[in-house]
Amino acid sequence: MGEGGFGSLLPFILMFVVVYFFMIAPQMKRAKKEKKFNAELQKGDKIITKSGLHGKILELNDKDQTCIIETMSGKVKFERSAISMELSAKANAAS
């Protein structure tokens, strides 16, 4: 390598560090919080799905990661990943 070998790589290294701390690390932290939220769901919890459906958990199925939600119009089966962590937290805080 010539004189500027390391100097020419420095901007790329700095760019990777910035991308990691501002994009990758927060996304990993959020995914970890959502996984914990889904694992801690219990029967009777009031939830809101990402599509805006409000309900209360009647059954949890760990085998296929689904849950049965009771709404005002009946029972609906949903994937646990469809439950919004933020909206559910706001709904539970308000009640």
Foldseek 3Di string as FASTA:
>chain_A
DDPCPVVVCVVVVVVVVVCCVPPVVVVVVVVVVLVVVLVPDDFQQWFAFPVGATFTWHAADPVQQWTWTQHPVGIDIGHSVRTDPVRSVVVVVVD
